[in-house]
C-alpha atoms as a PDB file:
ATOM      1  CA  MET A   1     -52.880   8.622  32.042  1.00  0.00           C
ATOM      2  CA  SER A   2     -50.169  11.031  33.261  1.00  0.00           C
ATOM      3  CA  ARG A   3     -46.575  10.088  32.776  1.00  0.00           C
ATOM      4  CA  ASP A   4     -45.957  11.558  36.254  1.00  0.00           C
ATOM      5  CA  GLU A   5     -48.026   8.844  37.870  1.00  0.00           C
ATOM      6  CA  GLY A   6     -46.721   5.557  39.165  1.00  0.00           C
ATOM      7  CA  TRP A   7     -45.275   3.346  36.567  1.00  0.00           C
ATOM      8  CA  ALA A   8     -48.031   0.544  37.032  1.00  0.00           C
ATOM      9  CA  THR A   9     -50.731   2.963  35.967  1.00  0.00           C
ATOM     10  CA  ALA A  10     -49.602   2.763  32.323  1.00  0.00           C
ATOM     11  CA  ASP A  11     -50.022  -0.040  29.900  1.00  0.00           C
ATOM     12  CA  TYR A  12     -47.134  -1.733  28.379  1.00  0.00           C
ATOM     13  CA  VAL A  13     -46.420  -4.462  25.889  1.00  0.00           C
ATOM     14  CA  VAL A  14     -43.117  -6.332  25.772  1.00  0.00           C
ATOM     15  CA  VAL A  15     -41.791  -7.313  22.230  1.00  0.00           C
ATOM     16  CA  ASP A  16     -39.339  -9.798  21.011  1.00  0.00           C
ATOM     17  CA  VAL A  17     -38.691 -10.800  17.357  1.00  0.00           C
ATOM     18  CA  GLU A  18     -36.836 -13.653  15.712  1.00  0.00           C
ATOM     19  CA  GLY A  19     -35.380 -13.203  12.213  1.00  0.00           C
ATOM     20  CA  ASN A  20     -34.450 -15.223   9.120  1.00  0.00           C
ATOM     21  CA  GLY A  21     -30.819 -14.097   9.095  1.00  0.00           C
ATOM     22  CA  ALA A  22     -31.149 -11.761   6.097  1.00  0.00           C
ATOM     23  CA  GLN A  23     -29.775  -8.315   5.895  1.00  0.00           C
ATOM     24  CA  PRO A  24     -31.832  -6.555   7.057  1.00  0.00           C
ATOM     25  CA  PRO A  25     -33.674  -9.107   9.179  1.00  0.00           C
ATOM     26  CA  GLN A  26     -36.990 -10.426   7.999  1.00  0.00           C
ATOM     27  CA  LEU A  27     -39.580 -11.447  10.614  1.00  0.00           C
ATOM     28  CA  VAL A  28     -40.026 -14.996  11.248  1.00  0.00           C
ATOM     29  CA  GLU A  29     -41.524 -15.070  14.871  1.00  0.00           C
ATOM     30  CA  LEU A  30     -43.004 -12.402  16.964  1.00  0.00           C
ATOM     31  CA  ALA A  31     -44.158 -12.305  20.643  1.00  0.00           C
ATOM     32  CA  LEU A  32     -45.994  -9.658  22.635  1.00  0.00           C
ATOM     33  CA  VAL A  33     -46.547  -9.794  26.341  1.00  0.00           C
ATOM     34  CA  PRO A  34     -48.777  -7.282  27.975  1.00  0.00           C
ATOM     35  CA  VAL A  35     -47.907  -5.591  31.352  1.00  0.00           C
ATOM     36  CA  ARG A  36     -51.170  -4.201  32.869  1.00  0.00           C
ATOM     37  CA  GLN A  37     -51.324  -2.677  36.382  1.00  0.00           C
ATOM     38  CA  GLY A  38     -47.881  -3.935  36.977  1.00  0.00           C
ATOM     39  CA  SER A  39     -48.915  -7.659  36.272  1.00  0.00           C
ATOM     40  CA  ILE A  40     -47.443  -9.739  33.399  1.00  0.00           C
ATOM     41  CA  GLY A  41     -50.113 -11.457  31.105  1.00  0.00           C
ATOM     42  CA  PRO A  42     -49.498 -14.406  28.776  1.00  0.00           C
ATOM     43  CA  ALA A  43     -47.404 -14.174  25.665  1.00  0.00           C
ATOM     44  CA  ARG A  44     -49.125 -14.051  22.370  1.00  0.00           C
ATOM     45  CA  THR A  45     -46.911 -15.299  19.519  1.00  0.00           C
ATOM     46  CA  TRP A  46     -47.036 -15.464  15.681  1.00  0.00           C
ATOM     47  CA  LEU A  47     -44.885 -17.603  13.244  1.00  0.00           C
ATOM     48  CA  VAL A  48     -44.554 -15.658  10.185  1.00  0.00           C
ATOM     49  CA  ARG A  49     -43.437 -16.929   6.666  1.00  0.00           C
ATOM     50  CA  PRO A  50     -40.571 -14.559   5.582  1.00  0.00           C
ATOM     51  CA  PRO A  51     -40.061 -13.587   1.908  1.00  0.00           C
ATOM     52  CA  GLU A  52     -36.738 -15.177   1.926  1.00  0.00           C
ATOM     53  CA  PRO A  53     -35.699 -18.543   3.394  1.00  0.00           C
ATOM     54  CA  ILE A  54     -34.225 -18.829   6.999  1.00  0.00           C
ATOM     55  CA  THR A  55     -30.435 -19.060   6.809  1.00  0.00           C
ATOM     56  CA  TRP A  56     -28.809 -22.042   8.570  1.00  0.00           C
ATOM     57  CA  GLN A  57     -27.032 -19.586  10.872  1.00  0.00           C
ATOM     58  CA  ALA A  58     -30.320 -18.251  12.254  1.00  0.00           C
ATOM     59  CA  ARG A  59     -32.015 -21.748  12.322  1.00  0.00           C
ATOM     60  CA  ARG A  60     -29.123 -22.831  14.585  1.00  0.00           C
ATOM     61  CA  VAL A  61     -30.012 -20.302  17.227  1.00  0.00           C
ATOM     62  CA  HIS A  62     -33.774 -20.247  17.344  1.00  0.00           C
ATOM     63  CA  ARG A  63     -34.409 -23.657  15.798  1.00  0.00           C
ATOM     64  CA  ILE A  64     -37.105 -22.385  13.534  1.00  0.00           C
ATOM     65  CA  SER A  65     -36.945 -24.205  10.190  1.00  0.00           C
ATOM     66  CA  ASN A  66     -38.194 -23.435   6.803  1.00  0.00           C
ATOM     67  CA  GLY A  67     -40.624 -26.191   7.134  1.00  0.00           C
ATOM     68  CA  ASP A  68     -41.949 -24.768  10.362  1.00  0.00           C
ATOM     69  CA  VAL A  69     -43.072 -21.536   8.699  1.00  0.00           C
ATOM     70  CA  ALA A  70     -43.854 -22.997   5.173  1.00  0.00           C
ATOM     71  CA  HIS A  71     -47.581 -22.873   5.742  1.00  0.00           C
ATOM     72  CA  ALA A  72     -47.487 -19.883   8.248  1.00  0.00           C
ATOM     73  CA  PRO A  73     -49.146 -16.731   7.313  1.00  0.00           C
ATOM     74  CA  ALA A  74     -47.175 -13.679   5.825  1.00  0.00           C
ATOM     75  CA  ILE A  75     -46.927 -10.861   8.098  1.00  0.00           C
ATOM     76  CA  ALA A  76     -49.625  -8.837   6.008  1.00  0.00           C
ATOM     77  CA  GLU A  77     -52.120 -11.563   6.891  1.00  0.00           C
ATOM     78  CA  VAL A  78     -51.754 -11.078  10.651  1.00  0.00           C
ATOM     79  CA  ALA A  79     -50.896  -7.370  10.660  1.00  0.00           C
ATOM     80  CA  GLU A  80     -54.197  -6.379  12.035  1.00  0.00           C
ATOM     81  CA  GLU A  81     -54.118  -8.788  15.006  1.00  0.00           C
ATOM     82  CA  VAL A  82     -50.504  -7.535  15.707  1.00  0.00           C
ATOM     83  CA  LEU A  83     -51.508  -3.945  15.618  1.00  0.00           C
ATOM     84  CA  GLU A  84     -54.516  -4.591  17.688  1.00  0.00           C
ATOM     85  CA  THR A  85     -52.232  -6.291  20.298  1.00  0.00           C
ATOM     86  CA  LEU A  86     -49.681  -3.503  20.290  1.00  0.00           C
ATOM     87  CA  GLY A  87     -52.539  -0.810  20.674  1.00  0.00           C
ATOM     88  CA  ASP A  88     -51.202   2.318  22.072  1.00  0.00           C
ATOM     89  CA  SER A  89     -49.263   0.796  24.877  1.00  0.00           C
ATOM     90  CA  VAL A  90     -45.728   1.744  25.720  1.00  0.00           C
ATOM     91  CA  LEU A  91     -43.268  -0.659  23.954  1.00  0.00           C
ATOM     92  CA  VAL A  92     -40.759  -2.413  25.944  1.00  0.00           C
ATOM     93  CA  GLY A  93     -37.823  -4.646  24.636  1.00  0.00           C
ATOM     94  CA  HIS A  94     -34.276  -5.537  25.334  1.00  0.00           C
ATOM     95  CA  ALA A  95     -32.482  -3.525  22.753  1.00  0.00           C
ATOM     96  CA  VAL A  96     -35.894  -2.488  21.668  1.00  0.00           C
ATOM     97  CA  HIS A  97     -34.608  -0.377  18.695  1.00  0.00           C
ATOM     98  CA  VAL A  98     -33.862  -3.802  17.019  1.00  0.00           C
ATOM     99  CA  ASP A  99     -37.340  -4.955  17.529  1.00  0.00           C
ATOM    100  CA  VAL A 100     -38.849  -1.636  16.388  1.00  0.00           C
ATOM    101  CA  ASP A 101     -36.776  -1.655  13.141  1.00  0.00           C
ATOM    102  CA  VAL A 102     -38.171  -5.069  12.294  1.00  0.00           C
ATOM    103  CA  LEU A 103     -41.700  -4.150  13.119  1.00  0.00           C
ATOM    104  CA  ARG A 104     -41.417  -0.872  11.270  1.00  0.00           C
ATOM    105  CA  ARG A 105     -40.466  -2.550   8.085  1.00  0.00           C
ATOM    106  CA  SER A 106     -42.892  -5.257   8.652  1.00  0.00           C
ATOM    107  CA  LEU A 107     -45.886  -3.106   9.606  1.00  0.00           C
ATOM    108  CA  PRO A 108     -45.910  -0.285   6.935  1.00  0.00           C
ATOM    109  CA  GLY A 109     -47.683   2.804   8.344  1.00  0.00           C
ATOM    110  CA  TRP A 110     -47.330   1.759  11.963  1.00  0.00           C
ATOM    111  CA  ALA A 111     -46.817   4.591  14.397  1.00  0.00           C
ATOM    112  CA  VAL A 112     -43.968   3.853  16.768  1.00  0.00           C
ATOM    113  CA  PRO A 113     -45.092   4.505  20.282  1.00  0.00           C
ATOM    114  CA  ASP A 114     -43.075   5.451  23.323  1.00  0.00           C
ATOM    115  CA  THR A 115     -40.374   2.942  24.019  1.00  0.00           C
ATOM    116  CA  ILE A 116     -38.447   1.728  26.993  1.00  0.00           C
ATOM    117  CA  ASP A 117     -35.207  -0.342  26.590  1.00  0.00           C
ATOM    118  CA  THR A 118     -34.560  -2.776  29.422  1.00  0.00           C
ATOM    119  CA  LEU A 119     -30.985  -2.896  28.314  1.00  0.00           C
ATOM    120  CA  ARG A 120     -30.553   0.798  29.066  1.00  0.00           C
ATOM    121  CA  LEU A 121     -32.345   0.534  32.193  1.00  0.00           C
ATOM    122  CA  ALA A 122     -30.205  -2.511  33.366  1.00  0.00           C
ATOM    123  CA  ARG A 123     -26.878  -0.604  32.663  1.00  0.00           C
ATOM    124  CA  GLN A 124     -27.969   2.139  34.898  1.00  0.00           C
ATOM    125  CA  ALA A 125     -29.331  -0.118  37.690  1.00  0.00           C
ATOM    126  CA  PHE A 126     -26.581  -2.931  37.901  1.00  0.00           C
ATOM    127  CA  ASP A 127     -22.780  -2.997  37.617  1.00  0.00           C
ATOM    128  CA  LEU A 128     -22.204  -6.075  35.643  1.00  0.00           C
ATOM    129  CA  THR A 129     -19.798  -7.380  33.058  1.00  0.00           C
ATOM    130  CA  SER A 130     -22.567  -8.664  30.616  1.00  0.00           C
ATOM    131  CA  TYR A 131     -26.016  -7.147  30.053  1.00  0.00           C
ATOM    132  CA  THR A 132     -27.384  -9.849  27.686  1.00  0.00           C
ATOM    133  CA  LEU A 133     -30.876 -10.880  28.621  1.00  0.00           C
ATOM    134  CA  ASP A 134     -29.441 -14.297  29.668  1.00  0.00           C
ATOM    135  CA  SER A 135     -27.002 -12.742  31.905  1.00  0.00           C
ATOM    136  CA  LEU A 136     -29.546 -10.445  33.684  1.00  0.00           C
ATOM    137  CA  VAL A 137     -32.048 -13.047  34.111  1.00  0.00           C
ATOM    138  CA  ARG A 138     -29.505 -15.381  35.919  1.00  0.00           C
ATOM    139  CA  HIS A 139     -28.323 -12.299  37.940  1.00  0.00           C
ATOM    140  CA  ARG A 140     -31.849 -11.510  39.134  1.00  0.00           C
ATOM    141  CA  GLY A 141     -33.211 -15.087  39.326  1.00  0.00           C
ATOM    142  CA  LEU A 142     -36.019 -14.488  37.063  1.00  0.00           C
ATOM    143  CA  ASP A 143     -36.323 -17.801  35.069  1.00  0.00           C
ATOM    144  CA  ASP A 144     -38.326 -19.898  37.636  1.00  0.00           C
ATOM    145  CA  GLY A 145     -41.759 -21.312  36.807  1.00  0.00           C
ATOM    146  CA  LEU A 146     -41.874 -20.663  33.041  1.00  0.00           C
ATOM    147  CA  PRO A 147     -44.403 -22.482  31.078  1.00  0.00           C
ATOM    148  CA  GLN A 148     -43.008 -25.831  29.962  1.00  0.00           C
ATOM    149  CA  ASP A 149     -43.636 -25.315  26.365  1.00  0.00           C
ATOM    150  CA  MET A 150     -41.431 -22.247  26.333  1.00  0.00           C
ATOM    151  CA  ARG A 151     -37.936 -22.752  24.785  1.00  0.00           C
ATOM    152  CA  PRO A 152     -34.769 -20.565  24.827  1.00  0.00           C
ATOM    153  CA  HIS A 153     -34.061 -18.309  21.911  1.00  0.00           C
ATOM    154  CA  ARG A 154     -37.784 -18.261  20.977  1.00  0.00           C
ATOM    155  CA  ALA A 155     -39.829 -15.066  20.861  1.00  0.00           C
ATOM    156  CA  GLY A 156     -42.348 -16.060  23.522  1.00  0.00           C
ATOM    157  CA  TYR A 157     -39.543 -17.211  26.004  1.00  0.00           C
ATOM    158  CA  ASP A 158     -37.513 -14.103  25.495  1.00  0.00           C
ATOM    159  CA  ALA A 159     -40.371 -11.641  25.643  1.00  0.00           C
ATOM    160  CA  THR A 160     -41.635 -13.177  28.895  1.00  0.00           C
ATOM    161  CA  LEU A 161     -38.301 -13.094  30.418  1.00  0.00           C
ATOM    162  CA  THR A 162     -37.913  -9.426  29.168  1.00  0.00           C
ATOM    163  CA  ALA A 163     -41.204  -8.606  30.917  1.00  0.00           C
ATOM    164  CA  ARG A 164     -40.084 -10.142  34.148  1.00  0.00           C
ATOM    165  CA  LEU A 165     -36.896  -8.073  34.008  1.00  0.00           C
ATOM    166  CA  PHE A 166     -38.867  -4.935  33.124  1.00  0.00           C
ATOM    167  CA  VAL A 167     -41.099  -5.422  36.101  1.00  0.00           C
ATOM    168  CA  ASP A 168     -38.049  -6.307  38.287  1.00  0.00           C
ATOM    169  CA  LEU A 169     -36.270  -3.006  37.210  1.00  0.00           C
ATOM    170  CA  ALA A 170     -39.409  -0.919  37.546  1.00  0.00           C
ATOM    171  CA  THR A 171     -40.003  -2.090  41.163  1.00  0.00           C
ATOM    172  CA  THR A 172     -36.505  -1.923  42.368  1.00  0.00           C
ATOM    173  CA  MET A 173     -35.009   1.267  40.655  1.00  0.00           C
ATOM    174  CA  ALA A 174     -36.342   3.835  43.132  1.00  0.00           C
ATOM    175  CA  PRO A 175     -37.274   2.908  46.816  1.00  0.00           C
ATOM    176  CA  GLY A 176     -40.286   5.169  46.780  1.00  0.00           C
ATOM    177  CA  GLY A 177     -41.521   3.934  43.552  1.00  0.00           C
ATOM    178  CA  VAL A 178     -40.784   5.152  39.886  1.00  0.00           C
ATOM    179  CA  THR A 179     -43.109   6.879  37.446  1.00  0.00           C
ATOM    180  CA  CYS A 180     -43.724   5.996  33.773  1.00  0.00           C
ATOM    181  CA  GLY A 181     -42.127   9.246  32.890  1.00  0.00           C
ATOM    182  CA  ALA A 182     -38.942   8.315  34.856  1.00  0.00           C
ATOM    183  CA  LEU A 183     -38.777   4.936  32.964  1.00  0.00           C
ATOM    184  CA  LEU A 184     -39.198   6.620  29.690  1.00  0.00           C
ATOM    185  CA  ARG A 185     -36.541   9.093  30.381  1.00  0.00           C
ATOM    186  CA  ALA A 186     -34.069   6.565  31.619  1.00  0.00           C
ATOM    187  CA  GLY A 187     -35.001   3.817  28.980  1.00  0.00           C
ATOM    188  CA  GLY A 188     -36.094   5.820  26.096  1.00  0.00           C
ATOM    189  CA  PRO A 189     -34.107   6.209  22.759  1.00  0.00           C
ATOM    190  CA  ALA A 190     -30.536   7.232  23.160  1.00  0.00           C
ATOM    191  CA  SER A 191     -28.957   9.984  21.245  1.00  0.00           C
ATOM    192  CA  ASN A 192     -26.071   7.633  20.384  1.00  0.00           C
ATOM    193  CA  PRO A 193     -27.333   4.096  20.269  1.00  0.00           C
ATOM    194  CA  ARG A 194     -23.998   2.599  20.797  1.00  0.00           C
ATOM    195  CA  GLN A 195     -23.689   4.233  24.057  1.00  0.00           C
ATOM    196  CA  SER A 196     -26.802   2.360  25.602  1.00  0.00           C
ATOM    197  CA  SER A 197     -28.134  -0.162  23.180  1.00  0.00           C
ATOM    198  CA  LEU A 198     -27.123  -3.157  21.216  1.00  0.00           C
ATOM    199  CA  THR A 199     -26.678  -2.335  17.365  1.00  0.00           C
ATOM    200  CA  TYR A 200     -26.996  -4.884  14.673  1.00  0.00           C
ATOM    201  CA  ASP A 201     -23.381  -5.627  14.847  1.00  0.00           C
ATOM    202  CA  ASP A 202     -23.663  -6.215  18.582  1.00  0.00           C
ATOM    203  CA  ALA A 203     -26.766  -8.427  17.990  1.00  0.00           C
ATOM    204  CA  LEU A 204     -24.578 -10.943  16.031  1.00  0.00           C
ATOM    205  CA  PHE A 205     -23.186 -12.044  19.424  1.00  0.00           C
ATOM    206  CA  ASP A 206     -26.266 -11.767  21.539  1.00  0.00           C
ATOM    207  CA  PRO A 207     -28.059 -15.122  21.642  1.00  0.00           C
ATOM    208  CA  PHE A 208     -31.308 -13.478  22.643  1.00  0.00           C
ATOM    209  CA  HIS A 209     -31.361 -11.445  19.452  1.00  0.00           C
ATOM    210  CA  PRO A 210     -30.517 -14.047  16.642  1.00  0.00           C
ATOM    211  CA  LEU A 211     -31.498 -11.486  14.007  1.00  0.00           C
ATOM    212  CA  THR A 212     -28.446 -11.791  11.942  1.00  0.00           C
ATOM    213  CA  THR A 213     -25.655 -14.225  11.454  1.00  0.00           C
ATOM    214  CA  PRO A 214     -24.532 -15.360  14.892  1.00  0.00           C
END
């Protein structure tokens, strides 16, 4: 697939992670949402038992308790499934470098693919006072018709909304259509992450990235 073709010709997978509040964050929940031929597929989620307990601060945000993950598999037990789902698709996330950092530590040997940050794209597309996922979803009216079993601040919920935001951005950024290459250039890694993406310090105050102490 040429990066100069229309964006919908590429395969994407949208990621969101929830952490245990440790420094650095350890994986508690992971969601991956495929975007194929411009259409959003169902979220696939994994609850993961972290090496250390979930802090009360993190529990307060995502509502995942230590009891919820007591019998969940460790990440090593589901790594093969996760890697298969990731495949070689372009990885999309809101402040995606935060998710990539958690995945890189959780999946030793994982080769990080091309990435697109919806936060970077949104900052170029819209003139707003807030670019949290929550604010962008409200601004674009993207939260209608979600499955009833999805709850805010859980990985499946956030990944699904990020996927909707990504498709919305991809279809509205250029009147004549945008290519995958253009999205990669606009939403790829920044030379200075603080210029265009949330860092861990910023994530403390982003309710959609409860990776560290809120």
